[in-house]
């Protein structure tokens, strides 16, 4: 076994200790601390209302009836109000049929084509589908649209077609149309 003995003089030991202390002092002097901050602004909550149902009116057995998305009297209307100028994602869950309101045993087919939707973000108090400011959308696809930059308003208009069978049971029919709206982060 080989042993090595180091003999360090007391003067050399003092120099090493002083050098280590000076090196440690310069490292501590190179540190600094800064305080940052975090901020956030909560946007106005979205308000979504179903202002008007699609109104097909009186329907005869076996005779299809269509309603345009541009009919102020008959088209379905959803109204959205939120933070001005913000993008929202919109999804419509559309029914395949309307159910007889008494007992719900009979059903009537309802269909929506790719141009049965429209939207309008005009600054007026009541956006209208027929004033030339509405834009056609496909109600089967999710939409990313921008709310009005001044008031945060938007209206979605919906038309469609009912197709009663030749022996359709007389009476009232209804079905739910569900619109989901959320800010998309832009």
N, C-alpha and C. Protein backbone atom coordinates (compact mmCIF):
# COMPACT_ATOMS: atom_id res chain seq x y z
N UNK A 1 0.85 -1.16 0.00
CA UNK A 1 0.00 0.00 0.00
C UNK A 1 0.89 1.22 0.00
N UNK A 2 0.57 2.13 -0.83
CA UNK A 2 1.35 3.34 -0.99
C UNK A 2 0.65 4.46 -0.29
N UNK A 3 1.36 5.13 0.55
CA UNK A 3 0.80 6.27 1.26
C UNK A 3 1.57 7.51 0.87
N UNK A 4 0.79 8.55 0.61
CA UNK A 4 1.42 9.82 0.28
C UNK A 4 1.06 10.78 1.38
N UNK A 5 2.06 11.40 1.89
CA UNK A 5 1.83 12.37 2.95
C UNK A 5 2.14 13.73 2.38
N UNK A 6 1.21 14.61 2.57
CA UNK A 6 1.42 15.99 2.14
C UNK A 6 1.71 16.82 3.35
N UNK A 7 2.66 17.59 3.19
CA UNK A 7 3.00 18.48 4.28
C UNK A 7 2.73 19.87 3.76
N UNK A 8 1.74 20.51 4.37
CA UNK A 8 1.37 21.85 3.95
C UNK A 8 1.81 22.79 5.04
N UNK A 9 2.49 23.80 4.63
CA UNK A 9 2.93 24.78 5.61
C UNK A 9 1.75 25.63 6.02
N UNK A 10 1.80 26.17 7.20
CA UNK A 10 0.70 26.98 7.71
C UNK A 10 0.52 28.24 6.87
N UNK A 11 1.52 28.78 6.29
CA UNK A 11 1.40 29.97 5.44
C UNK A 11 0.65 29.66 4.16
N UNK A 12 0.96 28.50 3.58
CA UNK A 12 0.27 28.09 2.37
C UNK A 12 -1.21 27.82 2.66
N UNK A 13 -1.49 27.23 3.80
CA UNK A 13 -2.86 26.95 4.19
C UNK A 13 -3.66 28.25 4.35
N UNK A 14 -3.08 29.26 4.92
CA UNK A 14 -3.75 30.55 5.09
C UNK A 14 -4.03 31.16 3.73
N UNK A 15 -3.11 31.06 2.79
CA UNK A 15 -3.31 31.62 1.44
C UNK A 15 -4.46 30.90 0.74
N UNK A 16 -4.53 29.59 0.87
CA UNK A 16 -5.62 28.83 0.25
C UNK A 16 -6.98 29.22 0.84
N UNK A 17 -7.08 29.37 2.13
CA UNK A 17 -8.33 29.74 2.78
C UNK A 17 -8.75 31.13 2.34
N UNK A 18 -7.84 32.07 2.29
CA UNK A 18 -8.16 33.44 1.85
C UNK A 18 -8.61 33.44 0.40
N UNK A 19 -7.97 32.67 -0.46
CA UNK A 19 -8.35 32.61 -1.88
C UNK A 19 -9.75 32.05 -2.03
N UNK A 20 -10.06 31.01 -1.26
CA UNK A 20 -11.42 30.44 -1.33
C UNK A 20 -12.47 31.43 -0.85
N UNK A 21 -12.18 32.15 0.20
CA UNK A 21 -13.13 33.14 0.71
C UNK A 21 -13.33 34.27 -0.28
N UNK A 22 -12.28 34.71 -0.93
CA UNK A 22 -12.40 35.80 -1.91
C UNK A 22 -13.18 35.32 -3.13
N UNK A 23 -12.95 34.11 -3.56
CA UNK A 23 -13.69 33.55 -4.70
C UNK A 23 -15.17 33.42 -4.37
N UNK A 24 -15.49 33.00 -3.17
CA UNK A 24 -16.88 32.89 -2.74
C UNK A 24 -17.54 34.25 -2.64
N UNK A 25 -16.80 35.25 -2.22
CA UNK A 25 -17.37 36.59 -2.10
C UNK A 25 -17.70 37.17 -3.45
N UNK A 26 -16.87 36.91 -4.46
CA UNK A 26 -17.16 37.47 -5.79
C UNK A 26 -18.35 36.76 -6.43
N UNK A 27 -18.55 35.48 -6.14
CA UNK A 27 -19.70 34.76 -6.66
C UNK A 27 -20.98 35.31 -6.05
N UNK A 28 -20.98 35.59 -4.78
CA UNK A 28 -22.18 36.12 -4.12
C UNK A 28 -22.50 37.51 -4.63
N UNK A 29 -21.53 38.28 -5.00
CA UNK A 29 -21.78 39.63 -5.51
C UNK A 29 -22.34 39.63 -6.92
N UNK A 30 -22.25 38.50 -7.65
CA UNK A 30 -22.76 38.44 -9.02
C UNK A 30 -24.23 38.09 -9.07
N UNK A 31 -24.86 37.87 -7.96
CA UNK A 31 -26.28 37.51 -7.93
C UNK A 31 -27.14 38.76 -7.75
N UNK A 32 -28.39 38.69 -8.29
CA UNK A 32 -29.32 39.80 -8.15
C UNK A 32 -30.73 39.22 -8.15
N UNK A 33 -31.69 39.98 -7.72
CA UNK A 33 -33.09 39.55 -7.66
C UNK A 33 -33.96 40.60 -8.35
N UNK A 34 -34.94 40.14 -9.14
CA UNK A 34 -35.89 41.05 -9.79
C UNK A 34 -37.30 40.56 -9.51
N UNK A 35 -38.24 41.47 -9.38
CA UNK A 35 -39.64 41.13 -9.19
C UNK A 35 -40.39 41.39 -10.48
N UNK A 36 -41.13 40.41 -10.96
CA UNK A 36 -41.98 40.57 -12.14
C UNK A 36 -43.42 40.66 -11.69
N UNK A 37 -44.33 40.62 -12.67
CA UNK A 37 -45.75 40.64 -12.32
C UNK A 37 -46.53 39.81 -13.33
N UNK A 38 -47.74 39.48 -13.00
CA UNK A 38 -48.65 38.77 -13.89
C UNK A 38 -49.95 39.56 -13.93
N UNK A 39 -50.54 39.69 -15.12
CA UNK A 39 -51.80 40.41 -15.25
C UNK A 39 -52.77 39.57 -16.07
N UNK A 40 -54.04 39.81 -15.90
CA UNK A 40 -55.08 39.13 -16.67
C UNK A 40 -56.32 40.02 -16.69
N UNK A 41 -57.07 39.93 -17.78
CA UNK A 41 -58.33 40.63 -17.89
C UNK A 41 -59.40 39.60 -18.22
N UNK A 42 -60.41 39.52 -17.40
CA UNK A 42 -61.51 38.59 -17.64
C UNK A 42 -62.47 39.24 -18.64
N UNK A 43 -62.76 38.50 -19.72
CA UNK A 43 -63.68 39.02 -20.74
C UNK A 43 -65.12 38.95 -20.25
N UNK A 44 -65.94 39.78 -20.86
CA UNK A 44 -67.38 39.75 -20.60
C UNK A 44 -67.89 38.35 -20.88
N UNK A 45 -68.71 37.83 -20.00
CA UNK A 45 -69.29 36.50 -20.22
C UNK A 45 -70.15 36.52 -21.47
N UNK A 46 -70.13 35.42 -22.18
CA UNK A 46 -70.99 35.30 -23.36
C UNK A 46 -72.44 35.09 -22.93
N UNK A 47 -73.34 35.75 -23.62
CA UNK A 47 -74.77 35.56 -23.42
C UNK A 47 -75.33 35.04 -24.73
N UNK A 48 -76.01 33.91 -24.68
CA UNK A 48 -76.60 33.30 -25.86
C UNK A 48 -78.08 33.12 -25.61
N UNK A 49 -78.91 33.62 -26.52
CA UNK A 49 -80.36 33.44 -26.39
C UNK A 49 -80.94 32.92 -27.70
N UNK A 50 -81.96 32.11 -27.57
CA UNK A 50 -82.73 31.65 -28.73
C UNK A 50 -83.92 32.59 -28.84
N UNK A 51 -83.79 33.61 -29.70
CA UNK A 51 -84.83 34.63 -29.82
C UNK A 51 -86.08 34.14 -30.54
N UNK A 52 -85.89 33.24 -31.50
CA UNK A 52 -87.04 32.84 -32.31
C UNK A 52 -86.83 31.42 -32.83
N UNK A 53 -87.89 30.63 -32.79
CA UNK A 53 -87.87 29.27 -33.35
C UNK A 53 -88.05 29.36 -34.87
N UNK A 54 -87.61 28.33 -35.58
CA UNK A 54 -87.94 28.25 -37.01
C UNK A 54 -89.43 27.98 -37.07
N UNK A 55 -90.15 28.84 -37.76
CA UNK A 55 -91.61 28.72 -37.81
C UNK A 55 -92.05 28.27 -39.20
N UNK A 56 -92.44 27.00 -39.30
CA UNK A 56 -92.89 26.44 -40.58
C UNK A 56 -94.36 26.72 -40.84
N UNK A 57 -95.09 27.12 -39.82
CA UNK A 57 -96.50 27.42 -39.98
C UNK A 57 -97.32 26.16 -40.18
N UNK A 58 -98.45 26.30 -40.88
CA UNK A 58 -99.33 25.16 -41.16
C UNK A 58 -98.71 24.33 -42.28
N UNK A 59 -98.62 23.02 -42.06
CA UNK A 59 -97.99 22.11 -43.01
C UNK A 59 -99.00 21.05 -43.40
N UNK A 60 -99.09 20.76 -44.69
CA UNK A 60 -100.00 19.73 -45.19
C UNK A 60 -99.29 18.37 -45.23
N UNK A 61 -100.05 17.30 -44.99
CA UNK A 61 -99.50 15.96 -45.09
C UNK A 61 -98.88 15.76 -46.47
N UNK A 62 -97.64 15.21 -46.48
CA UNK A 62 -96.97 14.89 -47.74
C UNK A 62 -96.39 16.07 -48.50
N UNK A 63 -96.51 17.29 -47.99
CA UNK A 63 -96.01 18.47 -48.72
C UNK A 63 -94.86 19.11 -47.93
N UNK A 64 -93.62 19.02 -48.44
CA UNK A 64 -92.50 19.64 -47.74
C UNK A 64 -92.64 21.16 -47.68
N UNK A 65 -92.16 21.74 -46.60
CA UNK A 65 -92.18 23.19 -46.43
C UNK A 65 -90.78 23.64 -46.03
N UNK A 66 -90.27 24.68 -46.72
CA UNK A 66 -88.95 25.21 -46.42
C UNK A 66 -89.05 26.62 -45.88
N UNK A 67 -88.12 26.95 -45.00
CA UNK A 67 -87.99 28.30 -44.46
C UNK A 67 -86.57 28.75 -44.77
N UNK A 68 -86.43 29.96 -45.28
CA UNK A 68 -85.13 30.52 -45.61
C UNK A 68 -84.44 31.07 -44.36
N UNK A 69 -83.10 31.08 -44.38
CA UNK A 69 -82.36 31.71 -43.28
C UNK A 69 -82.48 33.23 -43.35
N UNK A 70 -83.04 33.75 -44.42
CA UNK A 70 -83.16 35.20 -44.61
C UNK A 70 -84.59 35.70 -44.44
N UNK A 71 -85.41 34.95 -43.71
CA UNK A 71 -86.79 35.36 -43.49
C UNK A 71 -86.93 35.98 -42.09
N UNK A 72 -87.18 37.27 -42.05
CA UNK A 72 -87.37 37.92 -40.75
C UNK A 72 -88.59 37.38 -40.03
N UNK A 73 -89.55 36.82 -40.76
CA UNK A 73 -90.78 36.34 -40.15
C UNK A 73 -90.71 34.89 -39.69
N UNK A 74 -89.83 34.07 -40.31
CA UNK A 74 -89.88 32.63 -40.05
C UNK A 74 -88.57 31.99 -39.63
N UNK A 75 -87.44 32.57 -39.96
CA UNK A 75 -86.18 31.89 -39.64
C UNK A 75 -85.93 31.87 -38.14
N UNK A 76 -85.21 30.84 -37.70
CA UNK A 76 -84.80 30.76 -36.30
C UNK A 76 -83.69 31.77 -36.06
N UNK A 77 -83.68 32.37 -34.87
CA UNK A 77 -82.68 33.39 -34.56
C UNK A 77 -82.06 33.09 -33.20
N UNK A 78 -80.73 33.01 -33.18
CA UNK A 78 -79.95 32.94 -31.95
C UNK A 78 -79.18 34.25 -31.83
N UNK A 79 -79.15 34.81 -30.65
CA UNK A 79 -78.42 36.07 -30.43
C UNK A 79 -77.27 35.80 -29.47
N UNK A 80 -76.09 36.36 -29.82
CA UNK A 80 -74.88 36.21 -29.01
C UNK A 80 -74.39 37.60 -28.64
N UNK A 81 -74.04 37.81 -27.38
CA UNK A 81 -73.44 39.07 -26.94
C UNK A 81 -72.23 38.71 -26.08
N UNK A 82 -71.10 39.37 -26.37
CA UNK A 82 -69.88 39.10 -25.62
C UNK A 82 -68.91 40.26 -25.75
N UNK A 83 -67.64 39.98 -25.58
CA UNK A 83 -66.60 41.01 -25.65
C UNK A 83 -66.44 41.48 -27.10
N UNK A 84 -66.54 42.78 -27.35
CA UNK A 84 -66.44 43.31 -28.71
C UNK A 84 -65.15 42.89 -29.41
N UNK A 85 -65.30 42.49 -30.69
CA UNK A 85 -64.16 42.17 -31.53
C UNK A 85 -63.49 40.84 -31.25
N UNK A 86 -64.06 40.00 -30.40
CA UNK A 86 -63.43 38.73 -30.05
C UNK A 86 -63.99 37.59 -30.90
N UNK A 87 -63.14 36.61 -31.16
CA UNK A 87 -63.57 35.44 -31.92
C UNK A 87 -64.29 34.45 -31.01
N UNK A 88 -65.32 33.84 -31.56
CA UNK A 88 -66.04 32.78 -30.86
C UNK A 88 -66.16 31.57 -31.77
N UNK A 89 -66.24 30.41 -31.17
CA UNK A 89 -66.50 29.17 -31.89
C UNK A 89 -67.96 28.81 -31.65
N UNK A 90 -68.63 28.45 -32.72
CA UNK A 90 -70.07 28.17 -32.66
C UNK A 90 -70.34 26.78 -33.23
N UNK A 91 -71.14 26.01 -32.51
CA UNK A 91 -71.53 24.68 -32.97
C UNK A 91 -73.04 24.52 -32.79
N UNK A 92 -73.72 24.06 -33.84
CA UNK A 92 -75.16 23.80 -33.79
C UNK A 92 -75.40 22.29 -33.78
N UNK A 93 -76.16 21.81 -32.81
CA UNK A 93 -76.63 20.42 -32.79
C UNK A 93 -78.04 20.45 -33.36
N UNK A 94 -78.18 19.89 -34.56
CA UNK A 94 -79.45 19.97 -35.29
C UNK A 94 -80.23 18.66 -35.18
N UNK A 95 -81.54 18.74 -35.00
CA UNK A 95 -82.34 17.52 -34.91
C UNK A 95 -82.55 16.89 -36.28
N UNK A 96 -82.83 15.60 -36.30
CA UNK A 96 -83.14 14.89 -37.55
C UNK A 96 -84.65 14.82 -37.79
N UNK A 97 -85.39 15.06 -36.73
CA UNK A 97 -86.85 15.00 -36.84
C UNK A 97 -87.48 15.91 -35.78
N UNK A 98 -88.74 16.21 -35.97
CA UNK A 98 -89.56 16.90 -34.98
C UNK A 98 -90.52 15.85 -34.42
N UNK A 99 -90.75 15.88 -33.13
CA UNK A 99 -91.64 14.90 -32.48
C UNK A 99 -93.01 15.52 -32.25
N UNK A 100 -94.03 14.70 -32.40
CA UNK A 100 -95.40 15.13 -32.11
C UNK A 100 -95.44 15.52 -30.63
N UNK A 101 -95.98 16.69 -30.33
CA UNK A 101 -95.92 17.21 -28.95
C UNK A 101 -96.88 16.50 -27.99
N UNK A 102 -97.82 15.74 -28.50
CA UNK A 102 -98.72 14.98 -27.64
C UNK A 102 -98.35 13.52 -27.75
N UNK A 103 -97.63 13.03 -26.77
CA UNK A 103 -97.24 11.62 -26.78
C UNK A 103 -95.90 11.37 -27.45
N UNK A 104 -95.50 12.18 -28.41
CA UNK A 104 -94.22 12.05 -29.07
C UNK A 104 -94.03 10.78 -29.88
N UNK A 105 -95.15 10.06 -30.18
CA UNK A 105 -95.04 8.80 -30.92
C UNK A 105 -94.76 9.01 -32.39
N UNK A 106 -95.25 10.08 -32.97
CA UNK A 106 -95.05 10.32 -34.40
C UNK A 106 -93.92 11.32 -34.59
N UNK A 107 -93.17 11.15 -35.66
CA UNK A 107 -92.05 12.03 -35.96
C UNK A 107 -92.16 12.55 -37.38
N UNK A 108 -91.66 13.78 -37.58
CA UNK A 108 -91.62 14.37 -38.91
C UNK A 108 -90.17 14.77 -39.21
N UNK A 109 -89.67 14.38 -40.38
CA UNK A 109 -88.29 14.65 -40.76
C UNK A 109 -88.08 16.15 -40.93
N UNK A 110 -86.94 16.63 -40.40
CA UNK A 110 -86.50 18.01 -40.65
C UNK A 110 -85.08 17.91 -41.21
N UNK A 111 -84.78 18.70 -42.21
CA UNK A 111 -83.47 18.66 -42.85
C UNK A 111 -82.90 20.06 -42.97
N UNK A 112 -81.59 20.14 -42.92
CA UNK A 112 -80.88 21.41 -43.05
C UNK A 112 -79.83 21.23 -44.14
N UNK A 113 -79.86 22.10 -45.15
CA UNK A 113 -78.83 21.99 -46.19
C UNK A 113 -77.63 22.87 -45.82
N UNK A 114 -76.60 22.81 -46.63
CA UNK A 114 -75.34 23.50 -46.32
C UNK A 114 -75.43 25.02 -46.35
N UNK A 115 -76.53 25.56 -46.85
CA UNK A 115 -76.68 27.03 -46.91
C UNK A 115 -77.85 27.51 -46.05
N UNK A 116 -78.31 26.69 -45.13
CA UNK A 116 -79.45 27.07 -44.28
C UNK A 116 -79.07 27.94 -43.09
N UNK A 117 -77.80 28.24 -42.91
CA UNK A 117 -77.37 29.11 -41.82
C UNK A 117 -76.88 30.45 -42.35
N UNK A 118 -76.94 31.47 -41.51
CA UNK A 118 -76.39 32.80 -41.84
C UNK A 118 -76.02 33.48 -40.54
N UNK A 119 -75.12 34.47 -40.63
CA UNK A 119 -74.75 35.25 -39.45
C UNK A 119 -74.64 36.71 -39.82
N UNK A 120 -74.84 37.55 -38.82
CA UNK A 120 -74.78 39.00 -39.00
C UNK A 120 -74.21 39.60 -37.72
N UNK A 121 -73.20 40.44 -37.86
CA UNK A 121 -72.63 41.11 -36.69
C UNK A 121 -72.81 42.62 -36.78
N UNK A 122 -73.85 43.05 -37.52
CA UNK A 122 -74.06 44.49 -37.69
C UNK A 122 -74.27 45.16 -36.34
N UNK A 123 -73.95 46.43 -36.28
CA UNK A 123 -73.97 47.16 -35.02
C UNK A 123 -75.36 47.59 -34.57
N UNK A 124 -76.36 47.37 -35.39
CA UNK A 124 -77.70 47.76 -35.00
C UNK A 124 -78.20 46.95 -33.82
N UNK A 125 -79.26 47.39 -33.18
CA UNK A 125 -79.76 46.67 -32.01
C UNK A 125 -80.30 45.29 -32.36
N UNK A 126 -80.82 45.12 -33.55
CA UNK A 126 -81.35 43.83 -33.99
C UNK A 126 -80.79 43.49 -35.36
N UNK A 127 -79.69 42.73 -35.45
CA UNK A 127 -79.20 42.33 -36.76
C UNK A 127 -80.30 41.60 -37.52
N UNK A 128 -80.38 41.82 -38.79
CA UNK A 128 -81.43 41.23 -39.61
C UNK A 128 -80.82 40.40 -40.73
N UNK A 129 -81.45 39.27 -41.08
CA UNK A 129 -80.88 38.44 -42.13
C UNK A 129 -81.05 39.01 -43.53
N UNK A 130 -81.99 39.91 -43.73
CA UNK A 130 -82.26 40.35 -45.10
C UNK A 130 -81.79 41.77 -45.40
N UNK A 131 -80.98 42.37 -44.52
CA UNK A 131 -80.55 43.74 -44.79
C UNK A 131 -79.24 43.82 -45.56
N UNK A 132 -78.77 42.69 -46.07
CA UNK A 132 -77.57 42.69 -46.89
C UNK A 132 -76.29 42.53 -46.11
N UNK A 133 -76.35 42.47 -44.79
CA UNK A 133 -75.13 42.33 -44.01
C UNK A 133 -74.89 40.89 -43.55
N UNK A 134 -75.84 40.00 -43.76
CA UNK A 134 -75.66 38.63 -43.29
C UNK A 134 -74.83 37.83 -44.29
N UNK A 135 -74.16 36.81 -43.78
CA UNK A 135 -73.30 35.94 -44.57
C UNK A 135 -73.75 34.50 -44.36
N UNK A 136 -73.89 33.75 -45.45
CA UNK A 136 -74.33 32.36 -45.37
C UNK A 136 -73.24 31.48 -44.75
N UNK A 137 -73.67 30.55 -43.89
CA UNK A 137 -72.77 29.57 -43.29
C UNK A 137 -73.40 28.19 -43.36
N UNK A 138 -72.58 27.17 -43.26
CA UNK A 138 -73.05 25.79 -43.23
C UNK A 138 -73.37 25.43 -41.78
N UNK A 139 -74.64 25.18 -41.45
CA UNK A 139 -74.99 24.89 -40.05
C UNK A 139 -74.49 23.53 -39.56
N UNK A 140 -73.97 22.68 -40.46
CA UNK A 140 -73.46 21.37 -40.07
C UNK A 140 -72.00 21.44 -39.62
N UNK A 141 -71.34 22.57 -39.85
CA UNK A 141 -69.93 22.70 -39.50
C UNK A 141 -69.75 23.72 -38.37
N UNK A 142 -68.76 23.47 -37.52
CA UNK A 142 -68.41 24.46 -36.51
C UNK A 142 -67.92 25.72 -37.21
N UNK A 143 -68.22 26.85 -36.62
CA UNK A 143 -67.85 28.14 -37.21
C UNK A 143 -66.97 28.91 -36.23
N UNK A 144 -66.00 29.64 -36.75
CA UNK A 144 -65.22 30.59 -35.96
C UNK A 144 -65.52 31.96 -36.54
N UNK A 145 -66.21 32.79 -35.74
CA UNK A 145 -66.67 34.09 -36.20
C UNK A 145 -66.26 35.15 -35.19
N UNK A 146 -66.26 36.41 -35.63
CA UNK A 146 -65.85 37.52 -34.77
C UNK A 146 -67.06 38.36 -34.40
N UNK A 147 -67.20 38.61 -33.09
CA UNK A 147 -68.29 39.47 -32.60
C UNK A 147 -68.08 40.90 -33.08
N UNK A 148 -69.16 41.64 -33.21
CA UNK A 148 -69.13 43.05 -33.61
C UNK A 148 -68.11 43.80 -32.76
N UNK A 149 -67.30 44.64 -33.39
CA UNK A 149 -66.21 45.35 -32.70
C UNK A 149 -66.70 46.45 -31.77
N UNK A 150 -67.93 46.90 -31.92
CA UNK A 150 -68.44 47.99 -31.07
C UNK A 150 -69.26 47.44 -29.91
N UNK A 151 -70.28 46.66 -30.19
CA UNK A 151 -71.17 46.19 -29.13
C UNK A 151 -71.01 44.74 -28.75
N UNK A 152 -70.18 43.97 -29.48
CA UNK A 152 -70.01 42.55 -29.19
C UNK A 152 -71.21 41.71 -29.55
N UNK A 153 -72.00 42.17 -30.54
CA UNK A 153 -73.23 41.48 -30.93
C UNK A 153 -73.02 40.55 -32.12
N UNK A 154 -73.88 39.55 -32.21
CA UNK A 154 -73.94 38.68 -33.38
C UNK A 154 -75.27 37.96 -33.35
N UNK A 155 -75.79 37.69 -34.53
CA UNK A 155 -77.00 36.89 -34.65
C UNK A 155 -76.74 35.76 -35.63
N UNK A 156 -77.25 34.58 -35.31
CA UNK A 156 -77.18 33.42 -36.19
C UNK A 156 -78.61 33.13 -36.62
N UNK A 157 -78.80 33.00 -37.94
CA UNK A 157 -80.13 32.74 -38.51
C UNK A 157 -80.13 31.34 -39.09
N UNK A 158 -81.26 30.65 -38.93
CA UNK A 158 -81.34 29.27 -39.39
C UNK A 158 -82.66 29.01 -40.09
N UNK A 159 -82.55 28.41 -41.26
CA UNK A 159 -83.71 27.94 -42.01
C UNK A 159 -83.66 26.42 -42.05
N UNK A 160 -84.57 25.81 -42.77
CA UNK A 160 -84.59 24.36 -42.90
C UNK A 160 -85.83 23.91 -43.65
N UNK A 161 -86.01 22.60 -43.75
CA UNK A 161 -87.14 22.02 -44.48
C UNK A 161 -87.74 20.89 -43.66
N UNK A 162 -89.06 20.90 -43.50
CA UNK A 162 -89.75 19.75 -42.91
C UNK A 162 -90.36 18.94 -44.04
N UNK A 163 -90.35 17.61 -43.86
CA UNK A 163 -90.87 16.70 -44.88
C UNK A 163 -91.89 15.76 -44.23
N UNK A 164 -93.14 16.20 -44.15
CA UNK A 164 -94.16 15.33 -43.56
C UNK A 164 -94.48 14.15 -44.49
N UNK A 165 -94.81 13.02 -43.89
CA UNK A 165 -95.22 11.87 -44.69
C UNK A 165 -96.67 12.08 -45.15
N UNK A 166 -97.11 11.33 -46.15
CA UNK A 166 -98.50 11.48 -46.62
C UNK A 166 -99.53 11.14 -45.55
N UNK A 167 -99.15 10.35 -44.54
CA UNK A 167 -100.08 10.00 -43.47
C UNK A 167 -99.62 10.58 -42.12
N UNK A 168 -98.93 11.70 -42.15
CA UNK A 168 -98.41 12.34 -40.94
C UNK A 168 -99.56 12.65 -39.98
N UNK A 169 -99.41 12.29 -38.72
CA UNK A 169 -100.42 12.55 -37.71
C UNK A 169 -100.61 14.05 -37.54
N UNK A 170 -101.84 14.49 -37.51
CA UNK A 170 -102.14 15.92 -37.32
C UNK A 170 -101.75 16.35 -35.91
N UNK A 171 -101.34 17.60 -35.78
CA UNK A 171 -100.99 18.15 -34.48
C UNK A 171 -99.69 18.94 -34.54
N UNK A 172 -99.25 19.38 -33.39
CA UNK A 172 -98.03 20.20 -33.28
C UNK A 172 -96.81 19.30 -33.13
N UNK A 173 -95.69 19.76 -33.72
CA UNK A 173 -94.42 19.05 -33.66
C UNK A 173 -93.34 20.03 -33.21
N UNK A 174 -92.35 19.51 -32.50
CA UNK A 174 -91.22 20.36 -32.11
C UNK A 174 -89.96 19.52 -31.95
N UNK A 175 -88.83 20.21 -31.98
CA UNK A 175 -87.53 19.57 -31.78
C UNK A 175 -86.55 20.62 -31.25
N UNK A 176 -85.53 20.15 -30.57
CA UNK A 176 -84.55 21.07 -29.99
C UNK A 176 -83.38 21.30 -30.93
N UNK A 177 -83.00 22.55 -31.05
CA UNK A 177 -81.78 22.96 -31.74
C UNK A 177 -80.90 23.56 -30.66
N UNK A 178 -79.71 23.02 -30.50
CA UNK A 178 -78.81 23.46 -29.43
C UNK A 178 -77.61 24.15 -30.05
N UNK A 179 -77.37 25.39 -29.63
CA UNK A 179 -76.20 26.13 -30.10
C UNK A 179 -75.23 26.30 -28.94
N UNK A 180 -73.98 25.90 -29.16
CA UNK A 180 -72.92 26.04 -28.16
C UNK A 180 -71.95 27.10 -28.66
N UNK A 181 -71.66 28.08 -27.81
CA UNK A 181 -70.76 29.18 -28.18
C UNK A 181 -69.70 29.33 -27.09
N UNK A 182 -68.45 29.50 -27.51
CA UNK A 182 -67.35 29.70 -26.56
C UNK A 182 -66.30 30.61 -27.18
N UNK A 183 -65.65 31.42 -26.35
CA UNK A 183 -64.49 32.17 -26.82
C UNK A 183 -63.44 31.16 -27.24
N UNK A 184 -62.74 31.45 -28.33
CA UNK A 184 -61.72 30.49 -28.78
C UNK A 184 -60.30 30.95 -28.45
N UNK A 185 -60.15 32.01 -27.71
CA UNK A 185 -58.83 32.43 -27.29
C UNK A 185 -58.20 33.52 -28.14
N UNK A 186 -58.83 33.90 -29.24
CA UNK A 186 -58.27 34.98 -30.08
C UNK A 186 -59.10 36.23 -29.98
